[in-house]
Amino acid sequence: PLFWWLDDAAPVMRADDASSAGAFAWLLIRAFDLWGDPRYLAAAGTALEVLHRANIDDMYSESVVIARAAWSAHELAQRTGDARWSEIAADFTAATLRMMYWSPERAGM
């Protein structure tokens, strides 16, 4: 609803919010918790892999959805034992922290 008009699905500003993949992965992990179907974890992983390949400068709503991606990657590392997810979680965490410094009074790290 933030990026498309509900009556005709026309985009509002940009409609390519790839960063929503972080929130989507978080929801898939919650679905796994509820129903135990490993396909939910696999789909969460796919969403995070695609997001991880994206250019962080093209994302918006960063402080919320990239943080969800970091949390989701951490959860996948915990649940699967795959250290690659810990590395991806660290990348998303760094991206989230970077977003905090975009304000002029705090520009730069």
Protein backbone atom coordinates (compact mmCIF):
# COMPACT_ATOMS: atom_id res chain seq x y z
CA PRO A 1 0.00 0.00 0.00
CA LEU A 2 2.92 2.40 0.48
CA PHE A 3 4.15 2.05 -3.08
CA TRP A 4 1.09 1.31 -5.21
CA TRP A 5 -2.35 2.84 -5.56
CA LEU A 6 -4.86 0.28 -4.35
CA ASP A 7 -7.50 1.06 -6.99
CA ASP A 8 -5.40 0.43 -10.11
CA ALA A 9 -2.00 -0.86 -8.84
CA ALA A 10 -0.17 2.07 -10.45
CA PRO A 11 3.18 2.73 -8.74
CA VAL A 12 3.59 5.62 -6.33
CA MET A 13 7.13 6.95 -6.61
CA ARG A 14 9.22 3.79 -6.93
CA ALA A 15 7.56 0.40 -6.68
CA ASP A 16 10.68 -1.71 -6.60
CA ASP A 17 11.25 -1.87 -2.87
CA ALA A 18 13.63 -4.83 -2.80
CA SER A 19 14.37 -4.16 0.85
CA SER A 20 10.93 -5.52 1.75
CA ALA A 21 12.51 -8.96 1.23
CA GLY A 22 13.84 -8.62 4.80
CA ALA A 23 10.35 -8.32 6.24
CA PHE A 24 9.15 -11.10 3.95
CA ALA A 25 11.92 -13.41 5.22
CA TRP A 26 10.97 -12.56 8.81
CA LEU A 27 7.35 -13.54 8.10
CA LEU A 28 8.45 -16.80 6.49
CA ILE A 29 10.49 -17.70 9.56
CA ARG A 30 7.46 -16.99 11.74
CA ALA A 31 5.42 -19.30 9.44
CA PHE A 32 8.05 -22.01 9.93
CA ASP A 33 7.70 -21.58 13.69
CA LEU A 34 3.96 -22.05 13.41
CA TRP A 35 3.78 -24.92 10.94
CA GLY A 36 7.25 -26.46 10.82
CA ASP A 37 7.40 -26.70 7.04
CA PRO A 38 11.08 -26.39 5.99
CA ARG A 39 10.01 -24.83 2.69
CA TYR A 40 9.37 -21.63 4.64
CA LEU A 41 13.02 -21.49 5.74
CA ALA A 42 14.17 -22.21 2.19
CA ALA A 43 12.00 -19.38 0.85
CA ALA A 44 13.30 -17.02 3.55
CA GLY A 45 16.83 -17.90 2.49
CA THR A 46 16.06 -17.20 -1.14
CA ALA A 47 14.59 -13.79 -0.28
CA LEU A 48 17.68 -12.88 1.75
CA GLU A 49 20.09 -14.08 -0.93
CA VAL A 50 18.36 -11.90 -3.52
CA LEU A 51 18.35 -8.92 -1.16
CA HIS A 52 22.01 -9.46 -0.32
CA ARG A 53 22.90 -9.08 -4.01
CA ALA A 54 21.05 -5.74 -4.26
CA ASN A 55 22.75 -2.36 -4.08
CA ILE A 56 22.15 -1.03 -0.58
CA ASP A 57 22.02 2.53 -1.96
CA ASP A 58 18.85 1.64 -3.91
CA MET A 59 16.90 0.64 -0.82
CA TYR A 60 14.57 2.68 1.28
CA SER A 61 12.64 1.95 4.47
CA GLU A 62 16.10 0.72 5.42
CA SER A 63 15.99 1.14 9.15
CA VAL A 64 13.11 -1.29 9.46
CA VAL A 65 13.33 -3.81 6.65
CA ILE A 66 17.12 -4.17 6.48
CA ALA A 67 17.11 -4.72 10.24
CA ARG A 68 14.53 -7.47 9.68
CA ALA A 69 16.86 -8.97 7.07
CA ALA A 70 19.73 -8.95 9.60
CA TRP A 71 17.55 -10.61 12.22
CA SER A 72 16.25 -13.17 9.71
CA ALA A 73 19.75 -14.08 8.52
CA HIS A 74 20.81 -14.51 12.15
CA GLU A 75 17.82 -16.79 12.76
CA LEU A 76 18.69 -18.87 9.69
CA ALA A 77 22.25 -19.24 10.98
CA GLN A 78 20.90 -20.43 14.33
CA ARG A 79 18.40 -22.84 12.80
CA THR A 80 20.55 -24.29 10.02
CA GLY A 81 24.08 -24.06 11.42
CA ASP A 82 25.21 -22.49 8.13
CA ALA A 83 27.87 -19.87 8.95
CA ARG A 84 27.18 -18.10 5.65
CA TRP A 85 24.00 -16.70 7.20
CA SER A 86 26.04 -15.16 10.03
CA GLU A 87 28.16 -13.34 7.46
CA ILE A 88 25.06 -12.11 5.65
CA ALA A 89 23.54 -11.02 8.99
CA ALA A 90 26.69 -8.99 9.68
CA ASP A 91 26.43 -7.33 6.26
CA PHE A 92 22.79 -6.35 6.85
CA THR A 93 23.63 -5.12 10.35
CA ALA A 94 26.39 -2.91 8.96
CA ALA A 95 23.99 -1.60 6.32
CA THR A 96 21.41 -0.80 9.00
CA LEU A 97 23.95 1.06 11.12
CA ARG A 98 25.14 2.99 8.09
CA MET A 99 21.59 4.27 7.52
CA MET A 100 21.69 6.00 10.90
CA TYR A 101 24.42 8.30 9.67
CA TRP A 102 22.64 9.78 6.67
CA SER A 103 21.30 12.74 8.62
CA PRO A 104 23.42 15.88 8.01
CA GLU A 105 24.27 16.41 11.67
CA ARG A 106 25.69 12.88 11.86
CA ALA A 107 26.87 12.39 8.29
CA GLY A 108 29.77 10.00 7.98
CA MET A 109 30.99 7.24 10.21
